[in-house]
N, C-alpha and C. Protein backbone atom coordinates (compact mmCIF):
# COMPACT_ATOMS: atom_id res chain seq x y z
N MET A 1 152.52 -5.94 74.37
CA MET A 1 152.33 -5.50 73.04
C MET A 1 152.17 -6.60 72.07
N ARG A 2 151.26 -6.56 71.21
CA ARG A 2 151.03 -7.50 70.27
C ARG A 2 151.65 -7.08 69.13
N ILE A 3 152.47 -7.91 68.35
CA ILE A 3 153.00 -7.53 67.08
C ILE A 3 152.27 -8.22 65.89
N PRO A 4 151.68 -7.30 65.01
CA PRO A 4 150.79 -7.81 63.98
C PRO A 4 151.61 -8.94 63.22
N PRO A 5 150.85 -10.05 62.76
CA PRO A 5 151.63 -10.98 61.92
C PRO A 5 151.89 -10.52 60.53
N ARG A 6 153.21 -10.54 60.17
CA ARG A 6 153.75 -10.24 58.89
C ARG A 6 154.21 -11.26 58.06
N PHE A 7 153.69 -12.31 57.94
CA PHE A 7 153.91 -13.56 57.25
C PHE A 7 152.60 -14.29 56.80
N VAL A 8 152.75 -14.90 55.87
CA VAL A 8 151.53 -15.79 55.51
C VAL A 8 151.46 -17.21 56.35
N THR A 9 150.43 -17.50 56.78
CA THR A 9 150.21 -18.58 57.74
C THR A 9 149.98 -19.80 56.69
N LEU A 10 150.25 -20.98 57.21
CA LEU A 10 150.19 -22.20 56.37
C LEU A 10 148.83 -22.21 55.70
N VAL A 11 147.79 -21.94 56.46
CA VAL A 11 146.45 -22.05 55.88
C VAL A 11 146.38 -21.02 54.74
N GLY A 12 147.05 -19.84 55.00
CA GLY A 12 146.96 -18.66 53.96
C GLY A 12 147.71 -19.07 52.67
N ALA A 13 148.98 -19.79 53.15
CA ALA A 13 149.73 -20.14 51.94
C ALA A 13 149.18 -21.19 51.07
N ALA A 14 148.45 -22.16 51.83
CA ALA A 14 147.63 -23.18 50.92
C ALA A 14 146.72 -22.57 50.20
N ALA A 15 145.77 -21.67 50.61
CA ALA A 15 144.85 -20.99 49.82
C ALA A 15 145.44 -20.12 48.53
N ILE A 16 146.49 -19.40 48.78
CA ILE A 16 147.16 -18.79 47.81
C ILE A 16 147.71 -19.66 46.68
N ALA A 17 148.35 -20.75 47.10
CA ALA A 17 148.73 -21.65 46.18
C ALA A 17 147.64 -22.54 45.34
N GLY A 18 146.56 -22.73 45.99
CA GLY A 18 145.31 -23.31 45.44
C GLY A 18 144.82 -22.35 44.48
N ALA A 19 144.78 -21.14 44.70
CA ALA A 19 144.22 -20.08 43.87
C ALA A 19 145.33 -19.94 42.60
N LEU A 20 146.50 -20.05 42.88
CA LEU A 20 147.52 -19.90 41.73
C LEU A 20 147.34 -21.10 40.78
N LEU A 21 147.14 -22.30 41.43
CA LEU A 21 146.97 -23.33 40.53
C LEU A 21 145.63 -23.46 39.66
N THR A 22 144.65 -23.19 40.34
CA THR A 22 143.37 -23.34 39.59
C THR A 22 142.81 -22.06 38.82
N GLY A 23 143.35 -20.83 39.24
CA GLY A 23 142.87 -19.69 38.62
C GLY A 23 141.80 -19.02 39.35
N PRO A 24 141.10 -18.14 38.85
CA PRO A 24 139.90 -17.38 39.41
C PRO A 24 138.70 -18.32 39.47
N ALA A 25 137.96 -18.28 40.37
CA ALA A 25 136.69 -19.14 40.64
C ALA A 25 135.81 -18.78 39.43
N ALA A 26 135.24 -20.00 38.71
CA ALA A 26 134.50 -19.76 37.58
C ALA A 26 133.19 -19.01 37.88
N SER A 27 132.70 -19.11 39.10
CA SER A 27 131.38 -18.53 39.38
C SER A 27 131.66 -17.18 39.85
N ALA A 28 132.89 -16.59 39.91
CA ALA A 28 133.11 -15.28 40.28
C ALA A 28 132.59 -14.27 39.20
N ALA A 29 131.78 -13.41 39.37
CA ALA A 29 131.33 -12.42 38.39
C ALA A 29 131.69 -11.08 38.96
N PRO A 30 131.89 -10.13 37.99
CA PRO A 30 132.41 -8.80 38.32
C PRO A 30 131.29 -8.05 38.94
N ALA A 31 131.44 -7.15 39.91
CA ALA A 31 130.32 -6.23 40.58
C ALA A 31 129.79 -5.54 39.30
N PRO A 32 128.46 -5.24 39.34
CA PRO A 32 127.82 -4.39 38.32
C PRO A 32 128.42 -2.96 38.45
N ALA A 33 128.43 -2.36 37.31
CA ALA A 33 128.97 -1.05 37.35
C ALA A 33 128.25 0.09 38.17
N SER A 34 127.03 -0.23 38.58
CA SER A 34 126.25 0.73 39.30
C SER A 34 126.25 0.41 40.80
N ALA A 35 126.99 -0.69 41.25
CA ALA A 35 127.09 -1.09 42.52
C ALA A 35 127.62 0.00 43.35
N PRO A 36 127.04 0.44 44.61
CA PRO A 36 127.57 1.50 45.54
C PRO A 36 128.87 1.11 45.94
N VAL A 37 129.73 2.41 46.05
CA VAL A 37 131.10 1.99 46.67
C VAL A 37 131.10 2.00 48.11
N SER A 38 131.59 0.99 48.75
CA SER A 38 131.56 0.95 50.41
C SER A 38 132.44 1.86 50.85
N ALA A 39 132.18 2.15 52.24
CA ALA A 39 133.11 3.16 52.77
C ALA A 39 134.60 2.55 52.92
N ALA A 40 134.73 1.22 53.02
CA ALA A 40 136.22 0.68 52.98
C ALA A 40 136.82 0.85 51.62
N ALA A 41 135.99 0.81 50.54
CA ALA A 41 136.59 0.85 49.38
C ALA A 41 136.99 2.53 48.96
N ALA A 42 136.16 3.32 49.54
CA ALA A 42 136.44 4.71 49.36
C ALA A 42 137.66 5.12 50.20
N SER A 43 137.72 4.59 51.24
CA SER A 43 138.87 4.81 52.08
C SER A 43 140.28 4.37 51.47
N ALA A 44 140.20 3.04 50.99
CA ALA A 44 141.36 2.55 50.37
C ALA A 44 141.75 3.39 48.98
N ALA A 45 140.64 3.93 48.31
CA ALA A 45 141.09 4.64 47.20
C ALA A 45 141.63 6.04 47.59
N ALA A 46 141.38 6.51 48.73
CA ALA A 46 141.97 7.90 49.12
C ALA A 46 143.48 7.63 49.67
N VAL A 47 143.89 6.26 49.89
CA VAL A 47 145.22 6.07 50.35
C VAL A 47 146.05 5.97 48.96
N GLY A 48 147.15 6.60 48.81
CA GLY A 48 148.02 6.45 47.77
C GLY A 48 149.00 5.37 47.88
N SER A 49 150.07 5.31 47.24
CA SER A 49 151.15 4.24 47.33
C SER A 49 152.57 4.91 47.32
N VAL A 50 153.45 4.18 47.76
CA VAL A 50 154.88 4.71 47.70
C VAL A 50 155.79 3.42 47.52
N CYS A 51 156.77 3.55 46.64
CA CYS A 51 157.78 2.53 46.57
C CYS A 51 158.54 2.41 47.86
N TYR A 52 158.85 1.14 48.15
CA TYR A 52 159.77 0.85 49.25
C TYR A 52 161.03 1.69 49.09
N SER A 53 161.51 1.58 47.89
CA SER A 53 162.81 2.23 47.61
C SER A 53 162.78 3.78 47.85
N ALA A 54 161.56 4.33 47.68
CA ALA A 54 161.39 5.88 47.84
C ALA A 54 161.29 6.42 49.29
N LEU A 55 161.08 5.27 50.21
CA LEU A 55 160.93 5.70 51.56
C LEU A 55 162.19 6.15 52.20
N PRO A 56 162.36 7.20 53.25
CA PRO A 56 163.62 7.45 53.94
C PRO A 56 164.22 6.30 54.48
N THR A 57 165.53 6.11 54.61
CA THR A 57 166.16 5.25 55.12
C THR A 57 165.69 4.93 56.61
N GLN A 58 165.35 5.81 57.34
CA GLN A 58 164.85 5.50 58.72
C GLN A 58 163.43 4.73 58.66
N ALA A 59 162.61 4.78 57.66
CA ALA A 59 161.56 4.01 57.29
C ALA A 59 161.92 2.48 57.24
N HIS A 60 162.97 2.28 56.38
CA HIS A 60 163.46 0.99 56.24
C HIS A 60 163.93 0.38 57.62
N ASP A 61 164.66 1.11 58.45
CA ASP A 61 165.20 0.73 59.78
C ASP A 61 163.81 0.40 60.61
N THR A 62 162.82 1.08 60.69
CA THR A 62 161.56 0.90 61.47
C THR A 62 160.98 -0.47 60.94
N LEU A 63 160.82 -0.63 59.46
CA LEU A 63 160.32 -1.86 58.99
C LEU A 63 161.00 -3.15 59.46
N ASP A 64 162.43 -2.94 59.28
CA ASP A 64 163.25 -3.99 59.85
C ASP A 64 163.14 -4.37 61.30
N LEU A 65 162.92 -3.36 62.33
CA LEU A 65 162.49 -3.59 63.61
C LEU A 65 161.27 -4.38 63.75
N ILE A 66 160.28 -3.86 63.05
CA ILE A 66 158.96 -4.50 63.15
C ILE A 66 159.08 -6.06 62.71
N ASP A 67 159.75 -6.23 61.71
CA ASP A 67 159.98 -7.71 61.36
C ASP A 67 160.74 -8.56 62.47
N GLN A 68 161.55 -7.89 63.21
CA GLN A 68 162.44 -8.59 64.23
C GLN A 68 161.63 -8.65 65.51
N GLY A 69 160.53 -7.83 65.49
CA GLY A 69 159.80 -7.60 66.88
C GLY A 69 160.44 -6.80 67.88
N GLY A 70 161.25 -5.91 67.31
CA GLY A 70 161.83 -4.81 68.34
C GLY A 70 163.49 -5.15 68.66
N PRO A 71 164.04 -4.51 69.50
CA PRO A 71 163.35 -3.53 70.45
C PRO A 71 163.01 -2.12 69.66
N PHE A 72 162.17 -1.39 70.16
CA PHE A 72 161.61 -0.29 69.39
C PHE A 72 162.06 1.08 70.14
N PRO A 73 162.52 2.16 69.52
CA PRO A 73 162.98 3.29 70.36
C PRO A 73 161.97 4.07 71.23
N TYR A 74 160.75 3.85 71.10
CA TYR A 74 159.80 4.68 71.87
C TYR A 74 158.68 3.73 72.40
N SER A 75 158.44 4.13 73.68
CA SER A 75 157.39 3.08 74.40
C SER A 75 156.13 3.02 73.63
N GLN A 76 155.62 4.05 72.81
CA GLN A 76 154.35 3.93 72.10
C GLN A 76 154.48 3.26 70.74
N ASP A 77 155.67 2.88 70.46
CA ASP A 77 155.70 1.90 69.33
C ASP A 77 154.97 0.60 69.52
N GLY A 78 154.20 0.20 68.49
CA GLY A 78 153.37 -1.10 68.45
C GLY A 78 151.90 -1.01 69.29
N VAL A 79 151.71 0.19 69.68
CA VAL A 79 150.33 0.53 70.18
C VAL A 79 149.31 0.37 68.97
N VAL A 80 148.01 0.19 69.41
CA VAL A 80 146.99 0.00 68.50
C VAL A 80 146.66 1.43 67.88
N PHE A 81 146.76 1.50 66.42
CA PHE A 81 146.27 2.58 65.83
C PHE A 81 144.76 2.68 65.62
N GLN A 82 144.06 3.73 66.07
CA GLN A 82 142.56 3.82 66.04
C GLN A 82 142.15 4.28 64.72
N ASN A 83 142.77 4.60 63.74
CA ASN A 83 142.33 5.06 62.47
C ASN A 83 141.04 6.15 62.63
N ARG A 84 141.30 7.07 63.61
CA ARG A 84 140.06 8.07 63.79
C ARG A 84 139.92 8.83 62.61
N GLU A 85 140.93 9.10 61.69
CA GLU A 85 140.91 10.05 60.73
C GLU A 85 140.07 9.18 59.48
N ARG A 86 139.88 7.87 59.59
CA ARG A 86 139.14 7.12 58.87
C ARG A 86 139.79 7.29 57.24
N LEU A 87 141.04 7.30 57.15
CA LEU A 87 141.59 7.23 55.69
C LEU A 87 141.99 6.00 55.44
N LEU A 88 142.37 5.16 56.29
CA LEU A 88 142.70 3.78 56.03
C LEU A 88 141.54 3.03 55.86
N PRO A 89 141.49 1.58 55.27
CA PRO A 89 140.22 1.00 55.10
C PRO A 89 139.59 0.77 56.56
N ALA A 90 138.37 0.63 56.61
CA ALA A 90 137.85 0.40 58.08
C ALA A 90 137.99 -0.99 58.45
N ARG A 91 138.48 -1.24 59.75
CA ARG A 91 138.77 -2.53 60.25
C ARG A 91 138.28 -2.40 61.71
N GLY A 92 138.22 -3.66 62.51
CA GLY A 92 137.98 -3.70 63.70
C GLY A 92 139.03 -3.20 64.59
N SER A 93 138.83 -3.00 65.82
CA SER A 93 139.74 -2.50 66.77
C SER A 93 140.90 -3.50 66.98
N GLY A 94 142.16 -2.96 67.03
CA GLY A 94 143.47 -3.69 67.09
C GLY A 94 143.82 -4.31 65.88
N TYR A 95 143.16 -3.90 64.71
CA TYR A 95 143.61 -4.29 63.45
C TYR A 95 145.03 -3.64 63.05
N TYR A 96 145.16 -2.34 63.18
CA TYR A 96 146.17 -1.54 62.98
C TYR A 96 147.12 -1.24 64.08
N HIS A 97 148.48 -1.20 63.85
CA HIS A 97 149.41 -0.85 65.00
C HIS A 97 150.29 0.27 64.33
N GLU A 98 150.83 1.24 65.25
CA GLU A 98 151.65 2.30 64.79
C GLU A 98 153.15 2.11 65.33
N TYR A 99 154.03 2.57 64.52
CA TYR A 99 155.57 2.77 64.83
C TYR A 99 156.13 4.01 64.31
N THR A 100 156.97 4.41 65.12
CA THR A 100 157.63 5.68 64.90
C THR A 100 158.76 5.39 63.78
N VAL A 101 158.91 6.45 62.76
CA VAL A 101 159.85 6.72 61.83
C VAL A 101 160.77 7.63 62.40
N ILE A 102 161.88 7.57 62.80
CA ILE A 102 162.72 8.53 63.38
C ILE A 102 163.03 9.61 62.47
N THR A 103 162.93 10.89 63.06
CA THR A 103 163.08 12.11 62.17
C THR A 103 164.42 12.69 62.66
N PRO A 104 165.48 12.59 61.83
CA PRO A 104 166.82 13.22 62.51
C PRO A 104 166.60 14.68 62.68
N GLY A 105 167.38 14.94 63.85
CA GLY A 105 167.37 16.35 64.19
C GLY A 105 166.00 16.72 65.22
N SER A 106 164.85 15.85 65.17
CA SER A 106 163.72 16.36 65.92
C SER A 106 164.00 15.75 67.46
N PRO A 107 163.55 16.81 68.19
CA PRO A 107 163.64 16.53 69.79
C PRO A 107 162.56 15.52 70.16
N THR A 108 161.46 15.34 69.39
CA THR A 108 160.27 14.54 69.59
C THR A 108 160.28 13.32 68.72
N ARG A 109 159.13 12.58 68.81
CA ARG A 109 158.91 11.55 67.93
C ARG A 109 158.83 11.94 66.52
N GLY A 110 158.51 13.19 66.39
CA GLY A 110 158.28 13.82 64.86
C GLY A 110 156.94 13.39 64.29
N ALA A 111 156.74 13.45 63.13
CA ALA A 111 155.41 13.21 62.36
C ALA A 111 155.40 11.91 61.60
N ARG A 112 156.37 11.26 61.33
CA ARG A 112 156.46 10.12 60.59
C ARG A 112 156.32 8.91 61.24
N ARG A 113 155.44 7.95 60.62
CA ARG A 113 154.82 6.68 61.24
C ARG A 113 154.83 5.70 60.21
N ILE A 114 154.86 4.45 60.58
CA ILE A 114 154.52 3.23 59.80
C ILE A 114 153.31 2.75 60.38
N ILE A 115 152.29 2.57 59.68
CA ILE A 115 151.17 1.84 60.37
C ILE A 115 150.91 0.49 59.68
N THR A 116 150.73 -0.62 60.41
CA THR A 116 150.81 -1.95 59.87
C THR A 116 149.46 -2.45 60.00
N GLY A 117 148.98 -3.15 59.04
CA GLY A 117 147.58 -3.94 59.20
C GLY A 117 148.05 -5.34 59.62
N GLN A 118 147.15 -6.28 59.76
CA GLN A 118 147.27 -7.69 60.08
C GLN A 118 147.64 -8.49 58.87
N GLN A 119 147.43 -7.90 57.50
CA GLN A 119 147.71 -8.64 56.32
C GLN A 119 149.10 -8.54 56.00
N TRP A 120 149.63 -9.63 55.47
CA TRP A 120 151.16 -9.58 54.91
C TRP A 120 151.29 -8.45 54.00
N GLU A 121 152.40 -7.62 54.24
CA GLU A 121 152.74 -6.49 53.53
C GLU A 121 151.65 -5.27 53.35
N GLU A 122 150.94 -5.38 54.57
CA GLU A 122 149.80 -4.37 54.63
C GLU A 122 150.50 -3.11 55.41
N ASP A 123 151.49 -2.49 54.96
CA ASP A 123 152.18 -1.40 55.73
C ASP A 123 151.84 0.06 55.04
N TYR A 124 151.55 0.99 55.80
CA TYR A 124 151.36 2.40 55.36
C TYR A 124 152.38 3.34 55.93
N TYR A 125 152.80 4.28 55.13
CA TYR A 125 153.67 5.34 55.46
C TYR A 125 152.87 6.54 55.67
N THR A 126 153.10 7.48 56.66
CA THR A 126 152.70 8.89 56.82
C THR A 126 153.76 9.82 57.16
N SER A 127 153.99 10.84 56.65
CA SER A 127 155.06 11.65 56.91
C SER A 127 154.60 12.98 57.57
N ASP A 128 153.10 13.12 57.66
CA ASP A 128 152.45 14.27 58.12
C ASP A 128 151.59 13.98 59.37
N HIS A 129 151.95 12.95 60.05
CA HIS A 129 151.21 12.70 61.20
C HIS A 129 149.69 12.39 61.15
N TYR A 130 149.53 11.42 60.17
CA TYR A 130 148.22 10.96 60.06
C TYR A 130 147.19 11.88 58.92
N ALA A 131 147.71 12.87 58.51
CA ALA A 131 146.87 13.63 57.49
C ALA A 131 146.66 12.87 56.05
N SER A 132 147.66 12.16 55.78
CA SER A 132 147.87 11.30 54.60
C SER A 132 148.47 9.86 54.76
N PHE A 133 148.22 9.05 53.90
CA PHE A 133 148.82 7.56 53.99
C PHE A 133 149.10 7.21 52.58
N ARG A 134 150.06 6.61 52.57
CA ARG A 134 150.56 5.91 51.27
C ARG A 134 150.90 4.35 51.64
N LYS A 135 150.34 3.43 50.96
CA LYS A 135 150.58 2.09 51.19
C LYS A 135 152.00 1.73 50.66
N ILE A 136 152.69 1.03 51.32
CA ILE A 136 154.13 0.74 50.78
C ILE A 136 154.05 -0.44 49.83
N ASP A 137 154.59 -0.12 48.55
CA ASP A 137 154.73 -1.20 47.57
C ASP A 137 156.07 -1.84 47.67
N PHE A 138 156.12 -2.94 48.11
CA PHE A 138 157.53 -3.62 48.28
C PHE A 138 158.11 -4.26 47.03
N GLY A 139 157.35 -4.04 45.90
CA GLY A 139 157.87 -4.60 44.44
C GLY A 139 158.65 -3.56 43.76
N CYS A 140 158.81 -2.44 44.21
CA CYS A 140 159.36 -1.44 43.54
C CYS A 140 160.57 -0.51 44.04
């Protein structure tokens, strides 16, 4: 099982620090208003957001386990999420992984999941088994 990276690499940290010190690139121009919307942008727009503090405590527990690398309560935790619903931004195979958020009183895994992307703090929550997703906002 491969655990997606949840931290900024040294190269990524250097790039972020450089961008903070120098500001936006002078040659960067905004996209024209008539530019077509990509499928990835449309998918990202379809995903809502949720404050970390608004998640159920079991989701906090799952995020902690992901950060620790496990152990996870179900053998399916950490498997590649295929994004068959195409609600999350389109990425290559293996980009997303899924983890169970325990549902108290449920005899099965239930419908709640955390989906992680490979970027730092790119975590999504679904309470309805992939019918909708909300990106987790760790700043609120």
